């Protein structure tokens, strides 16, 4: 069987712009809710933010590990992209600074959308990898706005460090090579939109629980 070419499918480059356009409103809503660019963020507020992120990333990363094809996991070095260890490290650092423990409630895990096949699972990864890319900018802001005691707890937002840009490009390149048919592109964009929506719903649930 001959390999797929661009002439066999729709323009593969367009999927990058398609997913941005399809998910933009939900992405903006995430940024509005998190308010990460606020001038100051207290220790307790930052701990709650990390717990919120852990509640989403842990089940999301488990889902990706269980359901992505072996080919995609190997191509993207999925095990090296896990953020849960960094979140737990940051929370442990904060607990040391605060002199207390604050375990997550057993139910504090985000419900994820139903995602089937690599095209849809890559839509979930788009949300997470895009957040990692943005974390490079946010980590610098947080290093300046957080109390000094929390400035060592930035492993999550520092992402892959100097490799963050390269890994984002690797992710995009894989999407361009794999999500090529109009049907798969539609599934990819829809999954990214539903993943953003799931995070927004999780934020609302988490915020409501914190106020009780």
N, C-alpha and C. Protein backbone atom coordinates (compact mmCIF):
# COMPACT_ATOMS: atom_id res chain seq x y z
N UNK A 1 0.85 -1.19 0.00
CA UNK A 1 0.00 0.00 0.00
C UNK A 1 0.88 1.24 0.00
N UNK A 2 0.58 2.21 -0.83
CA UNK A 2 1.39 3.42 -0.89
C UNK A 2 1.12 4.31 0.29
N UNK A 3 2.11 5.15 0.65
CA UNK A 3 1.96 6.06 1.77
C UNK A 3 0.98 7.17 1.42
N UNK A 4 0.32 7.72 2.45
CA UNK A 4 -0.58 8.85 2.24
C UNK A 4 0.22 10.08 1.86
N UNK A 5 -0.33 10.89 1.01
CA UNK A 5 0.28 12.17 0.66
C UNK A 5 -0.73 13.26 0.89
N UNK A 6 -0.26 14.51 0.79
CA UNK A 6 -1.16 15.64 1.03
C UNK A 6 -2.31 15.65 0.04
N UNK A 7 -2.09 15.12 -1.18
CA UNK A 7 -3.15 15.13 -2.18
C UNK A 7 -4.26 14.14 -1.87
N UNK A 8 -3.99 13.18 -0.95
CA UNK A 8 -5.00 12.19 -0.58
C UNK A 8 -5.99 12.75 0.43
N UNK A 9 -5.66 13.83 1.09
CA UNK A 9 -6.48 14.36 2.18
C UNK A 9 -6.60 15.86 2.04
N UNK A 10 -7.26 16.46 3.02
CA UNK A 10 -7.32 17.92 3.06
C UNK A 10 -5.96 18.45 3.48
N UNK A 11 -5.76 19.76 3.32
CA UNK A 11 -4.48 20.38 3.64
C UNK A 11 -4.12 20.10 5.10
N UNK A 12 -3.04 19.35 5.39
CA UNK A 12 -2.73 19.00 6.76
C UNK A 12 -2.35 20.20 7.62
N UNK A 13 -1.78 21.25 7.02
CA UNK A 13 -1.39 22.41 7.82
C UNK A 13 -2.60 23.06 8.46
N UNK A 14 -3.75 22.97 7.82
CA UNK A 14 -4.94 23.66 8.31
C UNK A 14 -5.42 23.14 9.65
N UNK A 15 -5.05 21.92 10.04
CA UNK A 15 -5.54 21.39 11.30
C UNK A 15 -5.02 22.21 12.47
N UNK A 16 -3.86 22.81 12.36
CA UNK A 16 -3.32 23.63 13.44
C UNK A 16 -4.19 24.87 13.66
N UNK A 17 -4.56 25.51 12.57
CA UNK A 17 -5.42 26.69 12.69
C UNK A 17 -6.85 26.28 13.05
N UNK A 18 -7.29 25.15 12.54
CA UNK A 18 -8.64 24.68 12.84
C UNK A 18 -8.83 24.46 14.34
N UNK A 19 -7.86 23.82 14.99
CA UNK A 19 -8.03 23.52 16.41
C UNK A 19 -7.95 24.79 17.24
N UNK A 20 -7.11 25.73 16.84
CA UNK A 20 -7.06 27.01 17.55
C UNK A 20 -8.41 27.71 17.48
N UNK A 21 -8.97 27.76 16.28
CA UNK A 21 -10.25 28.44 16.08
C UNK A 21 -11.38 27.74 16.82
N UNK A 22 -11.41 26.40 16.72
CA UNK A 22 -12.50 25.65 17.32
C UNK A 22 -12.52 25.75 18.84
N UNK A 23 -11.34 25.81 19.46
CA UNK A 23 -11.25 25.76 20.92
C UNK A 23 -11.00 27.12 21.56
N UNK A 24 -10.93 28.18 20.75
CA UNK A 24 -10.51 29.49 21.28
C UNK A 24 -11.39 29.98 22.43
N UNK A 25 -12.71 29.90 22.28
CA UNK A 25 -13.60 30.43 23.31
C UNK A 25 -13.40 29.70 24.65
N UNK A 26 -13.25 28.38 24.59
CA UNK A 26 -13.02 27.62 25.82
C UNK A 26 -11.65 27.93 26.42
N UNK A 27 -10.66 28.12 25.55
CA UNK A 27 -9.31 28.46 26.01
C UNK A 27 -9.32 29.79 26.75
N UNK A 28 -10.00 30.78 26.16
CA UNK A 28 -10.11 32.10 26.80
C UNK A 28 -10.81 31.99 28.15
N UNK A 29 -11.82 31.13 28.22
CA UNK A 29 -12.56 30.95 29.47
C UNK A 29 -11.66 30.35 30.56
N UNK A 30 -10.81 29.40 30.18
CA UNK A 30 -9.85 28.83 31.14
C UNK A 30 -8.96 29.93 31.70
N UNK A 31 -8.41 30.76 30.83
CA UNK A 31 -7.51 31.82 31.28
C UNK A 31 -8.24 32.82 32.18
N UNK A 32 -9.50 33.11 31.84
CA UNK A 32 -10.28 34.05 32.66
C UNK A 32 -10.50 33.50 34.06
N UNK A 33 -10.78 32.21 34.15
CA UNK A 33 -11.07 31.61 35.45
C UNK A 33 -9.81 31.48 36.31
N UNK A 34 -8.71 31.08 35.71
CA UNK A 34 -7.50 30.84 36.49
C UNK A 34 -6.83 32.13 36.96
N UNK A 35 -6.92 33.20 36.17
CA UNK A 35 -6.33 34.49 36.53
C UNK A 35 -4.88 34.35 37.00
N UNK A 36 -4.10 33.64 36.22
CA UNK A 36 -2.72 33.38 36.62
C UNK A 36 -1.81 34.60 36.53
N UNK A 37 -2.28 35.62 35.83
CA UNK A 37 -1.45 36.82 35.69
C UNK A 37 -1.77 37.87 36.75
N UNK A 38 -2.49 37.48 37.79
CA UNK A 38 -2.78 38.44 38.86
C UNK A 38 -1.46 38.88 39.51
N UNK A 39 -1.40 40.11 40.05
CA UNK A 39 -0.13 40.64 40.57
C UNK A 39 0.48 39.81 41.69
N UNK A 40 -0.37 39.21 42.55
CA UNK A 40 0.16 38.42 43.66
C UNK A 40 -0.69 37.18 43.86
N UNK A 41 -0.04 36.11 44.31
CA UNK A 41 -0.72 34.85 44.57
C UNK A 41 -0.17 34.31 45.88
N UNK A 42 -1.06 34.09 46.87
CA UNK A 42 -0.61 33.61 48.17
C UNK A 42 -0.27 32.12 48.15
N UNK A 43 0.40 31.66 49.21
CA UNK A 43 0.79 30.26 49.30
C UNK A 43 -0.41 29.33 49.25
N UNK A 44 -1.44 29.65 50.03
CA UNK A 44 -2.62 28.78 50.07
C UNK A 44 -3.32 28.77 48.71
N UNK A 45 -3.41 29.92 48.07
CA UNK A 45 -4.04 29.99 46.75
C UNK A 45 -3.25 29.18 45.73
N UNK A 46 -1.94 29.25 45.81
CA UNK A 46 -1.11 28.51 44.85
C UNK A 46 -1.24 27.01 45.09
N UNK A 47 -1.30 26.61 46.34
CA UNK A 47 -1.48 25.19 46.64
C UNK A 47 -2.80 24.70 46.07
N UNK A 48 -3.87 25.48 46.22
CA UNK A 48 -5.17 25.10 45.67
C UNK A 48 -5.11 25.00 44.15
N UNK A 49 -4.37 25.90 43.52
CA UNK A 49 -4.21 25.86 42.07
C UNK A 49 -3.52 24.56 41.64
N UNK A 50 -2.46 24.17 42.34
CA UNK A 50 -1.75 22.95 42.00
C UNK A 50 -2.63 21.72 42.23
N UNK A 51 -3.44 21.74 43.29
CA UNK A 51 -4.36 20.63 43.54
C UNK A 51 -5.41 20.53 42.44
N UNK A 52 -5.89 21.68 42.00
CA UNK A 52 -6.83 21.73 40.88
C UNK A 52 -6.21 21.08 39.64
N UNK A 53 -4.98 21.45 39.34
CA UNK A 53 -4.29 20.90 38.17
C UNK A 53 -4.06 19.40 38.31
N UNK A 54 -3.65 18.96 39.49
CA UNK A 54 -3.43 17.54 39.73
C UNK A 54 -4.71 16.75 39.51
N UNK A 55 -5.82 17.30 39.95
CA UNK A 55 -7.11 16.63 39.79
C UNK A 55 -7.49 16.42 38.35
N UNK A 56 -6.98 17.26 37.45
CA UNK A 56 -7.24 17.10 36.02
C UNK A 56 -6.16 16.26 35.35
N UNK A 57 -4.91 16.57 35.63
CA UNK A 57 -3.81 15.92 34.91
C UNK A 57 -3.66 14.44 35.24
N UNK A 58 -3.89 14.08 36.49
CA UNK A 58 -3.68 12.67 36.86
C UNK A 58 -4.61 11.73 36.09
N UNK A 59 -5.93 11.98 36.07
CA UNK A 59 -6.78 11.09 35.27
C UNK A 59 -6.54 11.24 33.77
N UNK A 60 -6.18 12.44 33.32
CA UNK A 60 -5.93 12.64 31.90
C UNK A 60 -4.70 11.85 31.45
N UNK A 61 -3.64 11.90 32.25
CA UNK A 61 -2.43 11.17 31.88
C UNK A 61 -2.63 9.65 31.97
N UNK A 62 -3.43 9.22 32.92
CA UNK A 62 -3.76 7.80 33.00
C UNK A 62 -4.51 7.36 31.76
N UNK A 63 -5.47 8.18 31.34
CA UNK A 63 -6.25 7.86 30.14
C UNK A 63 -5.35 7.78 28.90
N UNK A 64 -4.46 8.74 28.73
CA UNK A 64 -3.56 8.73 27.58
C UNK A 64 -2.66 7.51 27.60
N UNK A 65 -2.13 7.18 28.76
CA UNK A 65 -1.23 6.03 28.88
C UNK A 65 -1.93 4.73 28.55
N UNK A 66 -3.20 4.63 28.92
CA UNK A 66 -3.96 3.39 28.71
C UNK A 66 -4.49 3.27 27.29
N UNK A 67 -4.84 4.39 26.65
CA UNK A 67 -5.61 4.32 25.42
C UNK A 67 -4.89 4.72 24.13
N UNK A 68 -3.83 5.53 24.21
CA UNK A 68 -3.10 5.88 22.99
C UNK A 68 -2.43 4.65 22.41
N UNK A 69 -2.29 4.64 21.11
CA UNK A 69 -1.60 3.53 20.47
C UNK A 69 -0.13 3.52 20.89
N UNK A 70 0.47 2.32 20.89
CA UNK A 70 1.88 2.21 21.24
C UNK A 70 2.75 3.04 20.31
N UNK A 71 2.36 3.11 19.06
CA UNK A 71 3.11 3.87 18.07
C UNK A 71 3.17 5.36 18.43
N UNK A 72 2.03 5.91 18.82
CA UNK A 72 1.99 7.33 19.20
C UNK A 72 2.71 7.57 20.51
N UNK A 73 2.52 6.68 21.47
CA UNK A 73 3.22 6.85 22.76
C UNK A 73 4.73 6.85 22.57
N UNK A 74 5.21 5.97 21.70
CA UNK A 74 6.65 5.91 21.46
C UNK A 74 7.13 7.14 20.71
N UNK A 75 6.39 7.56 19.69
CA UNK A 75 6.81 8.70 18.88
C UNK A 75 6.88 9.98 19.70
N UNK A 76 5.98 10.13 20.65
CA UNK A 76 5.92 11.36 21.45
C UNK A 76 6.62 11.21 22.80
N UNK A 77 7.24 10.05 23.06
CA UNK A 77 7.89 9.81 24.36
C UNK A 77 6.94 10.20 25.50
N UNK A 78 5.76 9.58 25.46
CA UNK A 78 4.69 9.98 26.37
C UNK A 78 5.10 9.94 27.83
N UNK A 79 5.88 8.94 28.22
CA UNK A 79 6.27 8.82 29.63
C UNK A 79 7.10 10.01 30.10
N UNK A 80 7.78 10.68 29.16
CA UNK A 80 8.59 11.84 29.53
C UNK A 80 7.76 13.12 29.60
N UNK A 81 6.52 13.05 29.16
CA UNK A 81 5.66 14.24 29.15
C UNK A 81 4.71 14.29 30.35
N UNK A 82 4.80 13.34 31.25
CA UNK A 82 3.89 13.31 32.40
C UNK A 82 4.16 14.50 33.33
N UNK A 83 3.08 15.16 33.75
CA UNK A 83 3.19 16.32 34.65
C UNK A 83 2.81 15.98 36.08
N UNK A 84 2.16 14.83 36.28
CA UNK A 84 1.74 14.46 37.63
C UNK A 84 2.91 14.42 38.62
N UNK A 85 4.06 13.84 38.26
CA UNK A 85 5.18 13.86 39.22
C UNK A 85 5.62 15.27 39.59
N UNK A 86 5.62 16.19 38.62
CA UNK A 86 6.01 17.57 38.91
C UNK A 86 4.99 18.24 39.83
N UNK A 87 3.71 17.97 39.61
CA UNK A 87 2.68 18.55 40.48
C UNK A 87 2.81 18.03 41.90
N UNK A 88 3.06 16.75 42.03
CA UNK A 88 3.21 16.18 43.38
C UNK A 88 4.48 16.72 44.05
N UNK A 89 5.52 16.92 43.27
CA UNK A 89 6.75 17.49 43.83
C UNK A 89 6.50 18.91 44.32
N UNK A 90 5.81 19.71 43.52
CA UNK A 90 5.51 21.09 43.92
C UNK A 90 4.64 21.12 45.17
N UNK A 91 3.65 20.25 45.25
CA UNK A 91 2.80 20.21 46.43
C UNK A 91 3.58 19.79 47.66
N UNK A 92 4.49 18.84 47.49
CA UNK A 92 5.32 18.41 48.61
C UNK A 92 6.22 19.55 49.09
N UNK A 93 6.75 20.32 48.14
CA UNK A 93 7.59 21.47 48.49
C UNK A 93 6.80 22.50 49.28
N UNK A 94 5.57 22.76 48.84
CA UNK A 94 4.73 23.73 49.56
C UNK A 94 4.37 23.22 50.95
N UNK A 95 4.09 21.93 51.07
CA UNK A 95 3.77 21.37 52.38
C UNK A 95 4.94 21.55 53.35
N UNK A 96 6.15 21.39 52.83
CA UNK A 96 7.33 21.59 53.66
C UNK A 96 7.44 23.04 54.12
N UNK A 97 7.14 23.96 53.21
CA UNK A 97 7.21 25.38 53.54
C UNK A 97 6.11 25.78 54.51
N UNK A 98 4.92 25.19 54.33
CA UNK A 98 3.79 25.54 55.19
C UNK A 98 3.80 24.78 56.51
N UNK A 99 4.60 23.70 56.55
CA UNK A 99 4.67 22.90 57.77
C UNK A 99 3.40 22.13 58.05
N UNK A 100 2.70 21.71 56.98
CA UNK A 100 1.47 20.95 57.16
C UNK A 100 1.22 20.08 55.93
N UNK A 101 0.37 19.08 56.09
CA UNK A 101 -0.03 18.25 54.97
C UNK A 101 -1.46 18.60 54.59
N UNK A 102 -1.78 18.40 53.32
CA UNK A 102 -3.10 18.78 52.83
C UNK A 102 -3.48 17.83 51.70
N UNK A 103 -3.79 16.56 52.05
CA UNK A 103 -4.06 15.56 51.02
C UNK A 103 -5.30 15.89 50.21
N UNK A 104 -5.30 15.47 48.95
CA UNK A 104 -6.48 15.65 48.12
C UNK A 104 -7.62 14.79 48.62
N UNK A 105 -8.84 15.31 48.59
CA UNK A 105 -9.98 14.45 48.91
C UNK A 105 -10.05 13.29 47.93
N UNK A 106 -10.55 12.13 48.35
CA UNK A 106 -10.60 10.97 47.45
C UNK A 106 -11.36 11.22 46.16
N UNK A 107 -12.35 12.11 46.17
CA UNK A 107 -13.18 12.35 44.99
C UNK A 107 -12.63 13.45 44.08
N UNK A 108 -11.51 14.02 44.46
CA UNK A 108 -11.02 15.19 43.73
C UNK A 108 -10.29 14.81 42.44
N UNK A 109 -11.02 14.23 41.52
CA UNK A 109 -10.48 13.87 40.22
C UNK A 109 -11.47 14.31 39.16
N UNK A 110 -10.99 14.96 38.14
CA UNK A 110 -11.87 15.53 37.13
C UNK A 110 -12.50 14.44 36.27
N UNK A 111 -13.81 14.57 35.97
CA UNK A 111 -14.42 13.68 34.97
C UNK A 111 -13.98 14.11 33.58
N UNK A 112 -13.49 13.18 32.79
CA UNK A 112 -12.99 13.50 31.46
C UNK A 112 -14.05 13.19 30.40
N UNK A 113 -13.96 13.85 29.25
CA UNK A 113 -14.88 13.50 28.16
C UNK A 113 -14.55 12.12 27.61
N UNK A 114 -15.50 11.51 26.96
CA UNK A 114 -15.25 10.23 26.30
C UNK A 114 -14.41 10.47 25.05
N UNK A 115 -13.28 9.81 24.97
CA UNK A 115 -12.36 9.99 23.84
C UNK A 115 -11.95 8.62 23.32
N UNK A 116 -12.09 8.44 22.02
CA UNK A 116 -11.78 7.16 21.40
C UNK A 116 -10.84 7.34 20.22
N UNK A 117 -9.75 6.59 20.20
CA UNK A 117 -8.82 6.64 19.08
C UNK A 117 -7.81 7.76 19.22
N UNK A 118 -6.72 7.63 18.50
CA UNK A 118 -5.62 8.58 18.63
C UNK A 118 -6.01 10.00 18.26
N UNK A 119 -6.82 10.18 17.25
CA UNK A 119 -7.18 11.54 16.83
C UNK A 119 -7.83 12.30 17.98
N UNK A 120 -8.73 11.65 18.71
CA UNK A 120 -9.41 12.31 19.82
C UNK A 120 -8.49 12.45 21.03
N UNK A 121 -7.70 11.43 21.30
CA UNK A 121 -6.78 11.51 22.44
C UNK A 121 -5.72 12.59 22.21
N UNK A 122 -5.32 12.77 20.97
CA UNK A 122 -4.38 13.86 20.66
C UNK A 122 -5.03 15.22 20.89
N UNK A 123 -6.34 15.29 20.75
CA UNK A 123 -7.05 16.53 21.08
C UNK A 123 -6.91 16.88 22.55
N UNK A 124 -6.99 15.87 23.41
CA UNK A 124 -6.73 16.08 24.85
C UNK A 124 -5.29 16.51 25.06
N UNK A 125 -4.37 15.87 24.37
CA UNK A 125 -2.96 16.23 24.51
C UNK A 125 -2.70 17.66 24.04
N UNK A 126 -3.45 18.11 23.04
CA UNK A 126 -3.29 19.49 22.56
C UNK A 126 -3.51 20.48 23.70
N UNK A 127 -4.53 20.24 24.50
CA UNK A 127 -4.82 21.12 25.63
C UNK A 127 -3.67 21.09 26.63
N UNK A 128 -3.18 19.92 26.94
CA UNK A 128 -2.15 19.76 27.96
C UNK A 128 -0.78 20.26 27.48
N UNK A 129 -0.43 19.93 26.24
CA UNK A 129 0.87 20.38 25.72
C UNK A 129 0.87 21.88 25.47
N UNK A 130 -0.26 22.43 25.05
CA UNK A 130 -0.36 23.89 24.89
C UNK A 130 -0.18 24.60 26.22
N UNK A 131 -0.76 24.01 27.28
CA UNK A 131 -0.60 24.59 28.61
C UNK A 131 0.86 24.54 29.05
N UNK A 132 1.56 23.47 28.69
CA UNK A 132 2.99 23.37 29.03
C UNK A 132 3.78 24.46 28.33
N UNK A 133 3.45 24.70 27.07
CA UNK A 133 4.13 25.77 26.33
C UNK A 133 3.89 27.12 27.00
N UNK A 134 2.64 27.41 27.35
CA UNK A 134 2.32 28.66 28.02
C UNK A 134 2.95 28.77 29.39
N UNK A 135 3.21 27.62 30.01
CA UNK A 135 3.81 27.62 31.34
C UNK A 135 5.19 28.24 31.37
N UNK A 136 5.88 28.26 30.22
CA UNK A 136 7.21 28.87 30.18
C UNK A 136 7.14 30.35 30.50
N UNK A 137 6.11 31.01 29.99
CA UNK A 137 5.90 32.43 30.30
C UNK A 137 5.37 32.59 31.72
N UNK A 138 4.40 31.75 32.08
CA UNK A 138 3.79 31.87 33.40
C UNK A 138 4.77 31.61 34.53
N UNK A 139 5.71 30.69 34.31
CA UNK A 139 6.65 30.38 35.39
C UNK A 139 7.48 31.59 35.77
N UNK A 140 7.81 32.43 34.79
CA UNK A 140 8.58 33.64 35.07
C UNK A 140 7.74 34.63 35.86
N UNK A 141 6.47 34.76 35.47
CA UNK A 141 5.58 35.66 36.21
C UNK A 141 5.37 35.15 37.64
N UNK A 142 5.13 33.85 37.79
CA UNK A 142 4.89 33.29 39.12
C UNK A 142 6.13 33.39 40.00
N UNK A 143 7.31 33.25 39.42
CA UNK A 143 8.54 33.38 40.20
C UNK A 143 8.66 34.75 40.81
N UNK A 144 8.06 35.75 40.15
CA UNK A 144 8.11 37.12 40.65
C UNK A 144 6.93 37.46 41.56
N UNK A 145 5.78 36.80 41.35
CA UNK A 145 4.57 37.19 42.07
C UNK A 145 4.26 36.32 43.28
N UNK A 146 4.82 35.11 43.34
CA UNK A 146 4.56 34.23 44.48
C UNK A 146 5.41 34.64 45.68
N UNK A 147 4.96 34.31 46.89
CA UNK A 147 5.83 34.50 48.06
C UNK A 147 7.12 33.73 47.86
N UNK A 148 8.19 34.23 48.45
CA UNK A 148 9.51 33.62 48.23
C UNK A 148 9.52 32.14 48.59
N UNK A 149 8.75 31.76 49.60
CA UNK A 149 8.73 30.36 50.05
C UNK A 149 8.18 29.41 48.99
N UNK A 150 7.42 29.93 48.01
CA UNK A 150 6.81 29.08 46.99
C UNK A 150 7.60 29.04 45.69
N UNK A 151 8.67 29.78 45.60
CA UNK A 151 9.36 29.93 44.32
C UNK A 151 10.18 28.71 43.92
N UNK A 152 10.32 27.77 44.84
CA UNK A 152 10.96 26.51 44.48
C UNK A 152 9.94 25.48 44.01
N UNK A 153 8.66 25.84 44.08
CA UNK A 153 7.59 24.89 43.72
C UNK A 153 7.03 25.25 42.35
N UNK A 154 7.88 25.28 41.34
CA UNK A 154 7.48 25.67 39.99
C UNK A 154 7.83 24.61 38.95
N UNK A 155 8.02 23.38 39.38
CA UNK A 155 8.39 22.32 38.43
C UNK A 155 7.31 22.12 37.37
N UNK A 156 6.05 22.18 37.78
CA UNK A 156 4.95 21.98 36.83
C UNK A 156 4.95 23.06 35.75
N UNK A 157 5.05 24.31 36.16
CA UNK A 157 4.97 25.40 35.18
C UNK A 157 6.24 25.55 34.35
N UNK A 158 7.34 25.02 34.83
CA UNK A 158 8.56 25.07 34.03
C UNK A 158 8.58 23.98 32.96
N UNK A 159 7.65 23.04 33.06
CA UNK A 159 7.47 22.05 32.01
C UNK A 159 8.72 21.26 31.69
N UNK A 160 9.12 21.29 30.43
CA UNK A 160 10.30 20.56 29.99
C UNK A 160 11.53 21.45 29.94
N UNK A 161 11.46 22.59 30.58
CA UNK A 161 12.61 23.49 30.60
C UNK A 161 13.00 23.94 29.21
N UNK A 162 14.27 23.85 28.90
CA UNK A 162 14.78 24.31 27.61
C UNK A 162 14.25 23.49 26.44
N UNK A 163 13.70 22.31 26.72
CA UNK A 163 13.18 21.44 25.66
C UNK A 163 11.69 21.67 25.36
N UNK A 164 11.07 22.60 26.06
CA UNK A 164 9.63 22.78 25.92
C UNK A 164 9.23 23.15 24.49
N UNK A 165 9.91 24.12 23.91
CA UNK A 165 9.58 24.53 22.54
C UNK A 165 9.76 23.40 21.54
N UNK A 166 10.84 22.64 21.68
CA UNK A 166 11.11 21.55 20.76
C UNK A 166 10.05 20.45 20.89
N UNK A 167 9.63 20.18 22.12
CA UNK A 167 8.63 19.13 22.31
C UNK A 167 7.26 19.55 21.80
N UNK A 168 6.95 20.84 21.87
CA UNK A 168 5.72 21.34 21.28
C UNK A 168 5.75 21.16 19.77
N UNK A 169 6.87 21.47 19.16
CA UNK A 169 7.01 21.29 17.71
C UNK A 169 6.91 19.82 17.33
N UNK A 170 7.48 18.94 18.15
CA UNK A 170 7.38 17.51 17.88
C UNK A 170 5.92 17.06 17.94
N UNK A 171 5.18 17.58 18.91
CA UNK A 171 3.77 17.23 19.03
C UNK A 171 3.00 17.70 17.80
N UNK A 172 3.20 18.94 17.40
CA UNK A 172 2.50 19.46 16.23
C UNK A 172 2.85 18.67 14.98
N UNK A 173 4.12 18.32 14.83
CA UNK A 173 4.55 17.56 13.66
C UNK A 173 3.85 16.20 13.61
N UNK A 174 3.70 15.56 14.77
CA UNK A 174 3.03 14.27 14.80
C UNK A 174 1.56 14.42 14.43
N UNK A 175 0.92 15.46 14.94
CA UNK A 175 -0.49 15.70 14.58
C UNK A 175 -0.62 15.91 13.07
N UNK A 176 0.27 16.70 12.50
CA UNK A 176 0.21 16.96 11.07
C UNK A 176 0.40 15.69 10.25
N UNK A 177 1.21 14.77 10.75
CA UNK A 177 1.47 13.55 10.00
C UNK A 177 0.38 12.49 10.19
N UNK A 178 -0.36 12.57 11.32
CA UNK A 178 -1.31 11.52 11.64
C UNK A 178 -2.78 11.94 11.50
N UNK A 179 -3.07 13.20 11.78
CA UNK A 179 -4.47 13.67 11.74
C UNK A 179 -4.68 14.37 10.40
N UNK A 180 -4.90 13.60 9.37
CA UNK A 180 -4.87 14.14 8.01
C UNK A 180 -6.21 14.14 7.29
N UNK A 181 -7.08 13.18 7.60
CA UNK A 181 -8.35 13.13 6.89
C UNK A 181 -9.31 14.17 7.48
N UNK A 182 -10.26 14.64 6.70
CA UNK A 182 -11.24 15.60 7.25
C UNK A 182 -11.96 15.06 8.47
N UNK A 183 -12.26 13.76 8.46
CA UNK A 183 -12.97 13.16 9.60
C UNK A 183 -12.11 13.18 10.86
N UNK A 184 -10.84 12.80 10.73
CA UNK A 184 -9.96 12.80 11.90
C UNK A 184 -9.67 14.21 12.38
N UNK A 185 -9.55 15.16 11.46
CA UNK A 185 -9.32 16.54 11.87
C UNK A 185 -10.51 17.07 12.65
N UNK A 186 -11.73 16.72 12.21
CA UNK A 186 -12.93 17.15 12.94
C UNK A 186 -12.96 16.52 14.32
N UNK A 187 -12.59 15.25 14.43
CA UNK A 187 -12.57 14.57 15.72
C UNK A 187 -11.51 15.18 16.64
N UNK A 188 -10.36 15.50 16.09
CA UNK A 188 -9.28 16.13 16.86
C UNK A 188 -9.71 17.47 17.43
N UNK A 189 -10.30 18.31 16.59
CA UNK A 189 -10.73 19.64 17.03
C UNK A 189 -11.86 19.54 18.05
N UNK A 190 -12.80 18.63 17.81
CA UNK A 190 -13.91 18.45 18.75
C UNK A 190 -13.41 17.95 20.09
N UNK A 191 -12.45 17.03 20.08
CA UNK A 191 -11.91 16.50 21.33
C UNK A 191 -11.16 17.58 22.12
N UNK A 192 -10.42 18.43 21.42
CA UNK A 192 -9.73 19.53 22.10
C UNK A 192 -10.74 20.47 22.75
N UNK A 193 -11.81 20.78 22.02
CA UNK A 193 -12.85 21.66 22.56
C UNK A 193 -13.51 21.03 23.78
N UNK A 194 -13.84 19.74 23.69
CA UNK A 194 -14.47 19.06 24.82
C UNK A 194 -13.53 18.93 26.00
N UNK A 195 -12.24 18.83 25.73
CA UNK A 195 -11.26 18.74 26.83
C UNK A 195 -11.15 20.07 27.56
N UNK A 196 -11.12 21.17 26.81
CA UNK A 196 -11.14 22.49 27.44
C UNK A 196 -12.42 22.66 28.27
N UNK A 197 -13.55 22.24 27.71
CA UNK A 197 -14.82 22.36 28.41
C UNK A 197 -14.82 21.52 29.69
N UNK A 198 -14.20 20.34 29.62
CA UNK A 198 -14.11 19.48 30.80
C UNK A 198 -13.28 20.14 31.89
N UNK A 199 -12.20 20.82 31.49
CA UNK A 199 -11.40 21.52 32.50
C UNK A 199 -12.20 22.66 33.11
N UNK A 200 -12.94 23.40 32.31
CA UNK A 200 -13.77 24.48 32.84
C UNK A 200 -14.81 23.94 33.82
N UNK A 201 -15.43 22.82 33.48
CA UNK A 201 -16.40 22.21 34.39
C UNK A 201 -15.72 21.76 35.68
N UNK A 202 -14.52 21.20 35.54
CA UNK A 202 -13.77 20.76 36.72
C UNK A 202 -13.42 21.95 37.60
N UNK A 203 -13.04 23.07 37.01
CA UNK A 203 -12.74 24.27 37.78
C UNK A 203 -13.97 24.69 38.60
N UNK A 204 -15.14 24.68 37.97
CA UNK A 204 -16.35 25.08 38.67
C UNK A 204 -16.67 24.13 39.83
N UNK A 205 -16.50 22.83 39.59
CA UNK A 205 -16.75 21.86 40.67
C UNK A 205 -15.76 22.05 41.81
N UNK A 206 -14.50 22.22 41.45
CA UNK A 206 -13.45 22.38 42.45
C UNK A 206 -13.68 23.66 43.26
N UNK A 207 -13.96 24.74 42.57
CA UNK A 207 -14.20 26.02 43.26
C UNK A 207 -15.39 25.93 44.19
N UNK A 208 -16.45 25.26 43.74
CA UNK A 208 -17.62 25.09 44.59
C UNK A 208 -17.31 24.30 45.83
N UNK A 209 -16.50 23.24 45.68
CA UNK A 209 -16.14 22.40 46.82
C UNK A 209 -15.29 23.17 47.82
N UNK A 210 -14.40 24.06 47.31
CA UNK A 210 -13.52 24.82 48.19
C UNK A 210 -14.27 25.84 49.03
N UNK A 211 -15.43 26.26 48.54
CA UNK A 211 -16.21 27.28 49.26
C UNK A 211 -17.13 26.69 50.31
N UNK A 212 -17.28 25.37 50.31
CA UNK A 212 -18.18 24.75 51.29
C UNK A 212 -17.57 24.73 52.68
